[in-house]
C-alpha cells in the first residue's frame, strides 16, 4: 500500500554535499574487495582508496537531514531503529549488521519481544559492526551506540563523541567511562595493532522519534491507537580525504532519504497500512 497522502517528507543538505552513509556506523575496522569478473576494476578501486589519503587533507564537516511522518505508533518505529541486528535484512547496501556489546540491565529485568519482533528489554546496544558494499568494494564499520528508550538512537565513531549527557546514559545502563573515541575498538584495549583508518574522520548518526497526532487522508485528525511517529535522521560527518568527499558527495541527500524509506517499508511489511 502506498504512503498516506498526509505523510510529510522533507530533507535538507547542509554545508557541502556529503556521501552515501550507513546508519550507526563509521569506518574503523577493515576494508575488503568483492570478487568481480573484471579484476582491473577491483585493482583500480583498491588503488584509489589507498592513494586518496595521500592526496588531500580531511574534508570540512558536513550534515544532512531527513524527516518523515509515519502512520505507526512511535514505540514500533523506535524498536525498528534500535534493532540493529536486523539491518542487513532490509537496509540497502547493508550486508552485515551485528551488535557486539550491550548495556547491563538491572537483574530484575526480564527479556520480552515487542510486536515487531524487536527486543524491548532494558538491555540496549552499546557497540555495533556493519558492513556495506558499493560496486567492487566493501567497508566494515564499528560504532558506539547510545539509546534513550523511545526517543533517540545515536551512533558515533572516529573522533566524534555522543551529544547525549552522561547522566542520561548512565540511567539506561551505559558505562560512561567509555564515552571517549579511544574506547571504540576492543583491539586498541588489548594492545593489538590499530585498524586501518576508514573514509570518515568522524561520524554522528542520530535518529529521533517523537509522537504526533494521526491525520486522515482528508487532512483531519484521526483516532488511531498509539498515534503516529515523526522520524528525523541527522548525519554529521567528516571525510578523511577531501577529494573522496567531493567525488562521492553528490548522492548524500538521496541516501539519507533512502534510509528513512527503508524503515518505512520495513514497518509496512511488519504492521501493514
Protein backbone atom coordinates (compact mmCIF):
# COMPACT_ATOMS: atom_id res chain seq x y z
CA UNK A 1 0.00 0.00 0.00
CA UNK A 2 1.28 3.42 -0.83
CA UNK A 3 2.33 6.01 1.75
CA UNK A 4 -0.64 8.04 3.12
CA UNK A 5 -1.18 11.41 1.48
CA UNK A 6 -0.58 13.13 4.78
CA UNK A 7 2.89 11.65 5.22
CA UNK A 8 5.32 14.51 5.27
CA UNK A 9 8.68 14.25 3.59
CA UNK A 10 11.45 16.74 3.98
CA UNK A 11 15.19 16.53 3.58
CA UNK A 12 17.85 19.19 3.62
CA UNK A 13 21.56 19.07 2.99
CA UNK A 14 23.72 21.49 4.93
CA UNK A 15 27.24 22.60 4.05
CA UNK A 16 28.80 20.92 1.04
CA UNK A 17 27.41 17.69 -0.49
CA UNK A 18 28.01 14.57 1.55
CA UNK A 19 28.40 10.92 0.71
CA UNK A 20 26.44 7.73 0.96
CA UNK A 21 26.37 6.59 4.55
CA UNK A 22 25.11 3.63 6.53
CA UNK A 23 23.34 4.14 9.83
CA UNK A 24 25.13 3.82 13.18
CA UNK A 25 28.49 3.41 11.64
CA UNK A 26 31.83 4.91 10.89
CA UNK A 27 34.70 3.05 9.23
CA UNK A 28 37.14 1.73 11.76
CA UNK A 29 37.87 -1.92 11.31
CA UNK A 30 38.54 -3.38 7.90
CA UNK A 31 38.17 -2.98 4.16
CA UNK A 32 37.69 -5.86 1.71
CA UNK A 33 37.10 -6.15 -2.00
CA UNK A 34 34.48 -8.41 -3.52
CA UNK A 35 35.02 -10.73 -6.44
CA UNK A 36 34.37 -9.37 -9.91
CA UNK A 37 34.56 -10.55 -13.47
CA UNK A 38 36.88 -7.64 -14.12
CA UNK A 39 39.92 -7.80 -11.86
CA UNK A 40 41.11 -4.47 -13.17
CA UNK A 41 38.06 -2.78 -11.65
CA UNK A 42 38.89 -4.25 -8.26
CA UNK A 43 42.53 -3.25 -8.54
CA UNK A 44 41.57 0.27 -9.55
CA UNK A 45 39.16 0.58 -6.62
CA UNK A 46 41.81 -0.69 -4.21
CA UNK A 47 44.46 1.67 -5.56
CA UNK A 48 42.11 4.66 -5.50
CA UNK A 49 41.07 4.17 -1.87
CA UNK A 50 44.64 3.57 -0.72
CA UNK A 51 46.04 6.53 -2.65
CA UNK A 52 43.43 9.16 -1.82
CA UNK A 53 44.57 9.75 1.80
CA UNK A 54 47.93 10.86 0.43
CA UNK A 55 46.41 13.38 -1.96
CA UNK A 56 44.50 15.73 0.34
CA UNK A 57 43.62 16.50 3.95
CA UNK A 58 40.30 16.00 5.74
CA UNK A 59 37.18 17.49 4.24
CA UNK A 60 35.00 20.04 6.03
CA UNK A 61 32.32 18.64 8.38
CA UNK A 62 29.01 18.09 6.60
CA UNK A 63 25.46 17.46 7.80
CA UNK A 64 22.41 16.01 6.10
CA UNK A 65 18.85 15.66 7.40
CA UNK A 66 15.79 13.63 6.51
CA UNK A 67 12.36 13.71 8.17
CA UNK A 68 9.16 11.78 7.65
CA UNK A 69 5.88 11.22 9.48
CA UNK A 70 4.93 7.53 9.57
CA UNK A 71 1.46 6.07 10.30
CA UNK A 72 2.77 3.76 13.02
CA UNK A 73 3.00 4.05 16.81
CA UNK A 74 6.30 5.63 17.94
CA UNK A 75 7.20 2.56 20.01
CA UNK A 76 7.05 0.33 16.92
CA UNK A 77 9.21 2.68 14.87
CA UNK A 78 11.74 3.14 17.66
CA UNK A 79 12.14 -0.61 18.13
CA UNK A 80 12.88 -0.99 14.42
CA UNK A 81 15.66 1.60 14.60
CA UNK A 82 17.16 0.16 17.79
CA UNK A 83 17.11 -3.38 16.40
CA UNK A 84 20.48 -3.06 14.66
CA UNK A 85 20.92 -6.81 14.19
CA UNK A 86 18.08 -6.75 11.64
CA UNK A 87 19.51 -4.02 9.40
CA UNK A 88 21.08 -6.37 6.87
CA UNK A 89 17.61 -7.80 6.18
CA UNK A 90 16.20 -4.57 4.73
CA UNK A 91 18.65 -1.64 4.53
CA UNK A 92 20.09 -1.01 1.04
CA UNK A 93 23.79 -1.84 0.66
CA UNK A 94 23.99 -3.35 4.18
CA UNK A 95 25.33 -6.90 4.00
CA UNK A 96 26.13 -7.45 7.68
CA UNK A 97 24.80 -5.94 10.91
CA UNK A 98 25.77 -7.18 14.35
CA UNK A 99 25.58 -5.79 17.86
CA UNK A 100 28.83 -6.71 19.60
CA UNK A 101 28.24 -5.14 23.03
CA UNK A 102 25.18 -4.39 25.15
CA UNK A 103 24.33 -2.39 28.23
CA UNK A 104 23.93 -4.23 31.51
CA UNK A 105 20.25 -4.26 32.50
CA UNK A 106 19.19 -4.47 36.11
CA UNK A 107 18.92 -8.05 37.46
CA UNK A 108 15.15 -7.70 37.75
CA UNK A 109 14.73 -7.13 34.01
CA UNK A 110 13.22 -9.98 32.02
CA UNK A 111 13.53 -10.28 28.22
CA UNK A 112 10.39 -9.91 26.13
CA UNK A 113 9.58 -9.35 22.48
CA UNK A 114 7.77 -6.33 21.06
CA UNK A 115 5.01 -6.52 18.48
CA UNK A 116 7.54 -6.11 15.69
CA UNK A 117 9.87 -8.82 16.98
CA UNK A 118 12.48 -6.32 18.17
CA UNK A 119 13.87 -6.55 21.66
CA UNK A 120 12.12 -4.34 24.20
CA UNK A 121 14.20 -5.33 27.21
CA UNK A 122 16.17 -2.79 29.20
CA UNK A 123 19.32 -4.12 27.53
CA UNK A 124 20.34 -1.73 24.75
CA UNK A 125 23.02 -1.82 22.01
CA UNK A 126 26.34 -0.30 23.07
CA UNK A 127 28.55 -1.19 20.09
CA UNK A 128 27.76 -2.46 16.61
CA UNK A 129 29.50 -3.55 13.42
CA UNK A 130 28.05 -3.11 9.94
CA UNK A 131 29.36 -3.92 6.50
CA UNK A 132 28.15 -2.01 3.47
CA UNK A 133 29.03 -2.51 -0.16
CA UNK A 134 29.33 -0.27 -3.19
CA UNK A 135 30.33 -1.77 -6.51
CA UNK A 136 33.58 -3.75 -6.30
CA UNK A 137 34.47 -2.96 -2.70
CA UNK A 138 33.01 -3.12 0.79
CA UNK A 139 33.60 -1.22 4.02
CA UNK A 140 33.17 -2.57 7.53
CA UNK A 141 32.21 -0.12 10.25
CA UNK A 142 32.18 -0.03 14.04
CA UNK A 143 30.26 2.47 16.14
CA UNK A 144 29.50 3.23 19.76
CA UNK A 145 25.72 3.20 20.08
CA UNK A 146 23.58 5.07 22.62
CA UNK A 147 19.84 4.69 23.13
CA UNK A 148 17.40 6.87 25.04
CA UNK A 149 14.45 4.44 25.03
CA UNK A 150 11.52 5.52 22.91
CA UNK A 151 13.15 8.79 21.85
CA UNK A 152 16.66 8.65 20.46
CA UNK A 153 19.28 6.37 18.95
CA UNK A 154 22.73 7.87 18.35
CA UNK A 155 25.84 6.23 16.92
CA UNK A 156 29.28 7.84 16.95
CA UNK A 157 32.62 6.83 15.50
CA UNK A 158 36.12 8.07 14.91
CA UNK A 159 36.88 11.35 16.68
CA UNK A 160 33.19 12.09 17.26
CA UNK A 161 31.59 11.95 20.70
CA UNK A 162 27.98 11.49 21.74
CA UNK A 163 25.84 14.56 22.33
CA UNK A 164 23.75 12.79 24.98
CA UNK A 165 24.59 13.80 28.58
CA UNK A 166 26.48 11.16 30.56
CA UNK A 167 23.90 11.38 33.36
CA UNK A 168 21.17 10.35 30.90
CA UNK A 169 23.17 7.45 29.50
CA UNK A 170 24.00 6.16 32.98
CA UNK A 171 20.28 5.82 33.70
CA UNK A 172 19.96 3.28 30.91
CA UNK A 173 22.96 1.11 31.77
CA UNK A 174 25.73 2.71 29.72
CA UNK A 175 29.27 2.76 31.03
CA UNK A 176 30.03 6.48 30.88
CA UNK A 177 33.75 5.82 31.32
CA UNK A 178 33.84 4.55 27.71
CA UNK A 179 32.44 7.67 26.04
CA UNK A 180 35.77 8.78 24.53
CA UNK A 181 36.77 7.82 20.97
CA UNK A 182 39.73 5.79 22.29
CA UNK A 183 37.28 3.20 23.62
CA UNK A 184 35.91 2.38 20.18
CA UNK A 185 37.82 -0.78 19.31
CA UNK A 186 38.48 -3.78 21.57
CA UNK A 187 41.81 -4.34 19.76
CA UNK A 188 43.02 -0.97 21.00
CA UNK A 189 42.30 -2.02 24.57
CA UNK A 190 44.10 -5.34 24.25
CA UNK A 191 47.26 -3.82 22.80
CA UNK A 192 46.78 -5.23 19.33
CA UNK A 193 47.65 -3.20 16.25
CA UNK A 194 45.17 -0.45 15.47
CA UNK A 195 42.92 -0.96 12.47
CA UNK A 196 43.48 0.93 9.25
CA UNK A 197 41.59 4.22 9.09
CA UNK A 198 38.33 4.32 7.20
CA UNK A 199 36.91 7.00 4.95
CA UNK A 200 35.47 9.12 7.77
CA UNK A 201 37.36 11.29 10.22
CA UNK A 202 34.24 11.37 12.39
CA UNK A 203 30.58 10.40 12.14
CA UNK A 204 27.50 11.06 14.28
CA UNK A 205 24.25 9.40 13.18
CA UNK A 206 21.23 10.49 15.19
CA UNK A 207 17.70 9.09 14.91
CA UNK A 208 14.94 10.91 16.79
CA UNK A 209 11.39 9.58 17.19
CA UNK A 210 8.53 11.64 18.61
CA UNK A 211 4.75 11.13 18.73
CA UNK A 212 2.50 13.23 16.51
CA UNK A 213 -1.27 13.35 16.06
CA UNK A 214 -2.60 10.90 13.49
CA UNK A 215 -4.24 12.51 10.46
CA UNK A 216 -6.71 11.08 7.97
CA UNK A 217 -6.20 11.26 4.21
CA UNK A 218 -8.54 14.27 4.15
CA UNK A 219 -6.23 16.17 6.49
CA UNK A 220 -8.43 15.90 9.58
CA UNK A 221 -7.45 14.38 12.92
CA UNK A 222 -7.93 10.63 13.10
CA UNK A 223 -8.40 8.40 16.13
CA UNK A 224 -5.59 5.89 15.69
CA UNK A 225 -4.41 3.80 18.63
CA UNK A 226 -0.85 4.70 19.55
CA UNK A 227 -0.72 7.75 17.29
CA UNK A 228 1.83 8.30 14.56
CA UNK A 229 5.58 8.86 14.66
CA UNK A 230 7.73 11.66 13.30
CA UNK A 231 11.17 10.28 12.45
CA UNK A 232 14.17 12.57 11.99
CA UNK A 233 17.56 11.41 10.76
CA UNK A 234 20.61 13.64 11.16
CA UNK A 235 24.04 12.57 9.92
CA UNK A 236 27.09 14.72 10.61
CA UNK A 237 30.40 13.52 9.23
CA UNK A 238 33.84 14.47 8.02
CA UNK A 239 35.84 12.60 5.41
CA UNK A 240 39.45 11.67 5.95
CA UNK A 241 40.09 12.85 2.41
CA UNK A 242 38.52 15.94 0.81
CA UNK A 243 38.88 14.60 -2.74
CA UNK A 244 36.95 11.46 -1.87
CA UNK A 245 34.23 13.59 -0.30
CA UNK A 246 33.93 15.67 -3.45
CA UNK A 247 33.89 12.61 -5.71
CA UNK A 248 31.03 10.76 -3.99
CA UNK A 249 29.30 13.57 -2.13
CA UNK A 250 26.65 14.26 -4.75
CA UNK A 251 24.38 11.42 -3.58
CA UNK A 252 24.31 12.17 0.16
CA UNK A 253 20.79 13.55 0.44
CA UNK A 254 19.37 10.76 -1.71
CA UNK A 255 20.96 8.16 0.56
CA UNK A 256 19.50 9.77 3.69
CA UNK A 257 16.08 9.65 2.06
CA UNK A 258 16.66 6.05 1.03
CA UNK A 259 17.48 5.02 4.60
CA UNK A 260 14.29 6.53 6.04
CA UNK A 261 12.26 4.98 3.22
CA UNK A 262 13.73 1.58 4.06
CA UNK A 263 12.49 1.86 7.65
CA UNK A 264 9.02 2.88 6.45
CA UNK A 265 8.92 -0.11 4.11
CA UNK A 266 10.03 -2.36 6.98
CA UNK A 267 7.28 -1.00 9.22
CA UNK A 268 4.71 -1.57 6.48
CA UNK A 269 5.88 -5.15 5.96
CA UNK A 270 5.56 -5.90 9.70
CA UNK A 271 2.48 -3.87 10.60
CA UNK A 272 0.59 -3.25 7.37
CA UNK A 273 -1.06 0.08 6.36
